[in-house]
Amino acid sequence: NLEYARDEMKKYADIHRRPSPSYKPGDKVMLSTENIKSRRPKAKWSDKRMGPFMIVKEAHPEIMVDGHEEFVIEKFLDWKPTRGNAIQFLVKWLGYDDPKENSWMHEGYLEECGTHLEDFFKRCPEARDYFENRTRVPPKKKRRARS
């Protein structure tokens, strides 16, 4: 019964869905200006899209965005639990010696730092115990106000 209901819901939801467009070199596309700063006095007067731009070549699916500085972790200094049994780590960044430049980072942003994490867990075994034995609590849904 549940499988039938799920299939019916999927069938009706898929009526309005379209497959993602695939682009190839030579195609022309319009770009959203949602994250681009405009020189217009009001954001609502800005164009929603810019272009058309011609696709020159296909890029690798994982690309590095120019203009964004990449920070390297030197080591973890401390940890604290947060809502939903998540963890934040106090990070010391490589090349930044001022303690004011250390920052608290959510565990979800620290994907490629396994060796630093292992070193920290050796220095702080209670953090490892909490990290491995916690139960994840999903965030509560926001309730709508009645009108």
C-alpha atoms as a PDB file:
ATOM      1  CA  ASN A   1       0.000   0.000   0.000  1.00  0.00           C
ATOM      2  CA  LEU A   2       2.763   2.448   0.877  1.00  0.00           C
ATOM      3  CA  GLU A   3       4.679   1.565  -2.285  1.00  0.00           C
ATOM      4  CA  TYR A   4       1.559   2.180  -4.391  1.00  0.00           C
ATOM      5  CA  ALA A   5       1.006   5.565  -2.724  1.00  0.00           C
ATOM      6  CA  ARG A   6       4.670   6.489  -3.250  1.00  0.00           C
ATOM      7  CA  ASP A   7       4.485   5.519  -6.936  1.00  0.00           C
ATOM      8  CA  GLU A   8       1.278   7.524  -7.431  1.00  0.00           C
ATOM      9  CA  MET A   9       2.801  10.596  -5.790  1.00  0.00           C
ATOM     10  CA  LYS A  10       5.912  10.264  -7.970  1.00  0.00           C
ATOM     11  CA  LYS A  11       3.798   9.899 -11.098  1.00  0.00           C
ATOM     12  CA  TYR A  12       1.888  13.129 -10.434  1.00  0.00           C
ATOM     13  CA  ALA A  13       4.995  15.031  -9.325  1.00  0.00           C
ATOM     14  CA  ASP A  14       6.888  13.996 -12.472  1.00  0.00           C
ATOM     15  CA  ILE A  15       4.178  15.433 -14.743  1.00  0.00           C
ATOM     16  CA  HIS A  16       5.578  18.956 -14.246  1.00  0.00           C
ATOM     17  CA  ARG A  17       9.264  18.017 -14.175  1.00  0.00           C
ATOM     18  CA  ARG A  18      11.583  18.361 -17.130  1.00  0.00           C
ATOM     19  CA  PRO A  19      15.006  16.753 -17.534  1.00  0.00           C
ATOM     20  CA  SER A  20      18.024  18.987 -16.993  1.00  0.00           C
ATOM     21  CA  PRO A  21      19.195  20.651 -20.188  1.00  0.00           C
ATOM     22  CA  SER A  22      22.451  19.441 -21.674  1.00  0.00           C
ATOM     23  CA  TYR A  23      24.686  21.993 -23.344  1.00  0.00           C
ATOM     24  CA  LYS A  24      27.461  21.471 -25.866  1.00  0.00           C
ATOM     25  CA  PRO A  25      30.095  23.807 -27.346  1.00  0.00           C
ATOM     26  CA  GLY A  26      28.478  26.274 -29.734  1.00  0.00           C
ATOM     27  CA  ASP A  27      25.216  26.593 -27.764  1.00  0.00           C
ATOM     28  CA  LYS A  28      24.201  30.007 -26.459  1.00  0.00           C
ATOM     29  CA  VAL A  29      23.051  30.410 -22.846  1.00  0.00           C
ATOM     30  CA  MET A  30      21.805  33.159 -20.549  1.00  0.00           C
ATOM     31  CA  LEU A  31      23.337  33.472 -17.062  1.00  0.00           C
ATOM     32  CA  SER A  32      21.478  34.368 -13.885  1.00  0.00           C
ATOM     33  CA  THR A  33      22.637  37.588 -12.216  1.00  0.00           C
ATOM     34  CA  GLU A  34      21.484  36.452  -8.782  1.00  0.00           C
ATOM     35  CA  ASN A  35      25.015  36.448  -7.284  1.00  0.00           C
ATOM     36  CA  ILE A  36      26.497  39.233  -9.399  1.00  0.00           C
ATOM     37  CA  LYS A  37      26.750  42.746  -7.978  1.00  0.00           C
ATOM     38  CA  SER A  38      25.099  45.366 -10.187  1.00  0.00           C
ATOM     39  CA  ARG A  39      25.888  49.066 -10.538  1.00  0.00           C
ATOM     40  CA  ARG A  40      22.212  49.954 -10.563  1.00  0.00           C
ATOM     41  CA  PRO A  41      20.912  51.876  -7.534  1.00  0.00           C
ATOM     42  CA  LYS A  42      18.259  49.258  -6.701  1.00  0.00           C
ATOM     43  CA  ALA A  43      18.612  45.501  -7.044  1.00  0.00           C
ATOM     44  CA  LYS A  44      15.092  45.169  -8.395  1.00  0.00           C
ATOM     45  CA  TRP A  45      16.032  47.324 -11.402  1.00  0.00           C
ATOM     46  CA  SER A  46      18.847  44.952 -12.361  1.00  0.00           C
ATOM     47  CA  ASP A  47      18.471  42.500 -15.211  1.00  0.00           C
ATOM     48  CA  LYS A  48      17.540  38.995 -14.112  1.00  0.00           C
ATOM     49  CA  ARG A  49      19.815  37.403 -16.704  1.00  0.00           C
ATOM     50  CA  MET A  50      22.799  38.446 -18.770  1.00  0.00           C
ATOM     51  CA  GLY A  51      24.011  37.174 -22.104  1.00  0.00           C
ATOM     52  CA  PRO A  52      23.677  35.371 -24.394  1.00  0.00           C
ATOM     53  CA  PHE A  53      27.076  33.726 -24.004  1.00  0.00           C
ATOM     54  CA  MET A  54      28.423  31.080 -26.341  1.00  0.00           C
ATOM     55  CA  ILE A  55      29.753  27.883 -24.774  1.00  0.00           C
ATOM     56  CA  VAL A  56      33.358  27.511 -25.915  1.00  0.00           C
ATOM     57  CA  LYS A  57      34.324  24.194 -24.340  1.00  0.00           C
ATOM     58  CA  GLU A  58      33.111  21.698 -21.783  1.00  0.00           C
ATOM     59  CA  ALA A  59      34.715  22.001 -18.350  1.00  0.00           C
ATOM     60  CA  HIS A  60      35.438  19.229 -15.885  1.00  0.00           C
ATOM     61  CA  PRO A  61      32.432  18.678 -13.561  1.00  0.00           C
ATOM     62  CA  GLU A  62      34.506  19.745 -10.542  1.00  0.00           C
ATOM     63  CA  ILE A  63      36.066  23.126 -11.210  1.00  0.00           C
ATOM     64  CA  MET A  64      37.892  25.616  -9.020  1.00  0.00           C
ATOM     65  CA  VAL A  65      36.270  29.030  -8.903  1.00  0.00           C
ATOM     66  CA  ASP A  66      38.768  31.828  -9.499  1.00  0.00           C
ATOM     67  CA  GLY A  67      38.803  34.694  -7.070  1.00  0.00           C
ATOM     68  CA  HIS A  68      38.149  32.587  -3.970  1.00  0.00           C
ATOM     69  CA  GLU A  69      41.093  32.159  -1.662  1.00  0.00           C
ATOM     70  CA  GLU A  70      41.546  28.635  -0.329  1.00  0.00           C
ATOM     71  CA  PHE A  71      42.521  28.371   3.330  1.00  0.00           C
ATOM     72  CA  VAL A  72      44.605  25.491   4.671  1.00  0.00           C
ATOM     73  CA  ILE A  73      44.031  24.053   8.141  1.00  0.00           C
ATOM     74  CA  GLU A  74      47.096  23.926  10.376  1.00  0.00           C
ATOM     75  CA  LYS A  75      45.394  22.152  13.300  1.00  0.00           C
ATOM     76  CA  PHE A  76      42.260  21.904  15.406  1.00  0.00           C
ATOM     77  CA  LEU A  77      42.451  23.633  18.776  1.00  0.00           C
ATOM     78  CA  ASP A  78      39.120  22.892  20.480  1.00  0.00           C
ATOM     79  CA  TRP A  79      35.617  21.539  19.904  1.00  0.00           C
ATOM     80  CA  LYS A  80      32.072  22.166  21.107  1.00  0.00           C
ATOM     81  CA  PRO A  81      28.723  20.440  20.542  1.00  0.00           C
ATOM     82  CA  THR A  82      25.981  22.392  18.791  1.00  0.00           C
ATOM     83  CA  ARG A  83      22.285  21.909  18.056  1.00  0.00           C
ATOM     84  CA  GLY A  84      21.264  18.577  16.618  1.00  0.00           C
ATOM     85  CA  ASN A  85      24.349  16.881  18.116  1.00  0.00           C
ATOM     86  CA  ALA A  86      26.582  18.444  15.489  1.00  0.00           C
ATOM     87  CA  ILE A  87      30.115  19.519  16.342  1.00  0.00           C
ATOM     88  CA  GLN A  88      32.076  22.689  15.703  1.00  0.00           C
ATOM     89  CA  PHE A  89      35.860  22.750  15.736  1.00  0.00           C
ATOM     90  CA  LEU A  90      38.091  25.716  16.525  1.00  0.00           C
ATOM     91  CA  VAL A  91      40.453  25.858  13.544  1.00  0.00           C
ATOM     92  CA  LYS A  92      43.916  27.417  13.378  1.00  0.00           C
ATOM     93  CA  TRP A  93      44.651  28.385   9.771  1.00  0.00           C
ATOM     94  CA  LEU A  94      48.075  27.929   8.201  1.00  0.00           C
ATOM     95  CA  GLY A  95      49.885  31.271   7.898  1.00  0.00           C
ATOM     96  CA  TYR A  96      47.583  33.081  10.352  1.00  0.00           C
ATOM     97  CA  ASP A  97      49.292  33.343  13.748  1.00  0.00           C
ATOM     98  CA  ASP A  98      46.945  35.817  15.445  1.00  0.00           C
ATOM     99  CA  PRO A  99      44.499  33.947  17.751  1.00  0.00           C
ATOM    100  CA  LYS A 100      41.757  36.353  16.613  1.00  0.00           C
ATOM    101  CA  GLU A 101      41.936  34.737  13.166  1.00  0.00           C
ATOM    102  CA  ASN A 102      41.071  31.266  14.483  1.00  0.00           C
ATOM    103  CA  SER A 103      37.482  30.391  13.641  1.00  0.00           C
ATOM    104  CA  TRP A 104      34.760  27.945  14.640  1.00  0.00           C
ATOM    105  CA  MET A 105      33.841  25.707  11.707  1.00  0.00           C
ATOM    106  CA  HIS A 106      30.908  23.292  11.490  1.00  0.00           C
ATOM    107  CA  GLU A 107      31.936  19.683  10.892  1.00  0.00           C
ATOM    108  CA  GLY A 108      30.095  19.652   7.561  1.00  0.00           C
ATOM    109  CA  TYR A 109      32.586  22.129   6.074  1.00  0.00           C
ATOM    110  CA  LEU A 110      35.623  20.084   7.080  1.00  0.00           C
ATOM    111  CA  GLU A 111      35.535  17.198   4.624  1.00  0.00           C
ATOM    112  CA  GLU A 112      39.161  16.829   3.528  1.00  0.00           C
ATOM    113  CA  CYS A 113      41.004  17.081   6.836  1.00  0.00           C
ATOM    114  CA  GLY A 114      41.193  13.483   8.065  1.00  0.00           C
ATOM    115  CA  THR A 115      44.795  13.614   9.308  1.00  0.00           C
ATOM    116  CA  HIS A 116      44.215  16.816  11.292  1.00  0.00           C
ATOM    117  CA  LEU A 117      41.063  15.310  12.783  1.00  0.00           C
ATOM    118  CA  GLU A 118      42.883  12.112  13.793  1.00  0.00           C
ATOM    119  CA  ASP A 119      45.652  14.150  15.448  1.00  0.00           C
ATOM    120  CA  PHE A 120      43.047  16.176  17.334  1.00  0.00           C
ATOM    121  CA  PHE A 121      41.213  13.037  18.490  1.00  0.00           C
ATOM    122  CA  LYS A 122      44.511  11.622  19.829  1.00  0.00           C
ATOM    123  CA  ARG A 123      45.000  14.795  21.882  1.00  0.00           C
ATOM    124  CA  CYS A 124      41.339  14.995  22.926  1.00  0.00           C
ATOM    125  CA  PRO A 125      39.786  11.504  23.359  1.00  0.00           C
ATOM    126  CA  GLU A 126      36.528  12.863  24.835  1.00  0.00           C
ATOM    127  CA  ALA A 127      35.880  14.614  21.520  1.00  0.00           C
ATOM    128  CA  ARG A 128      36.309  11.287  19.691  1.00  0.00           C
ATOM    129  CA  ASP A 129      33.877   9.599  22.113  1.00  0.00           C
ATOM    130  CA  TYR A 130      31.281  12.304  21.528  1.00  0.00           C
ATOM    131  CA  PHE A 131      31.894  12.313  17.761  1.00  0.00           C
ATOM    132  CA  GLU A 132      31.480   8.541  17.377  1.00  0.00           C
ATOM    133  CA  ASN A 133      28.712   7.846  19.925  1.00  0.00           C
ATOM    134  CA  ARG A 134      26.301  10.703  19.315  1.00  0.00           C
ATOM    135  CA  THR A 135      22.847  10.287  17.872  1.00  0.00           C
ATOM    136  CA  ARG A 136      21.952  12.794  15.192  1.00  0.00           C
ATOM    137  CA  VAL A 137      18.800  14.763  15.942  1.00  0.00           C
ATOM    138  CA  PRO A 138      17.086  16.162  12.840  1.00  0.00           C
ATOM    139  CA  PRO A 139      16.275  19.879  13.047  1.00  0.00           C
ATOM    140  CA  LYS A 140      12.703  20.728  13.983  1.00  0.00           C
ATOM    141  CA  LYS A 141      10.400  21.916  11.241  1.00  0.00           C
ATOM    142  CA  LYS A 142       9.330  25.519  11.536  1.00  0.00           C
ATOM    143  CA  ARG A 143       5.670  25.946  12.333  1.00  0.00           C
ATOM    144  CA  ARG A 144       3.604  28.252  10.212  1.00  0.00           C
ATOM    145  CA  ALA A 145       1.677  31.006  11.899  1.00  0.00           C
ATOM    146  CA  ARG A 146      -2.067  30.778  11.574  1.00  0.00           C
ATOM    147  CA  SER A 147      -3.770  33.575   9.742  1.00  0.00           C
END
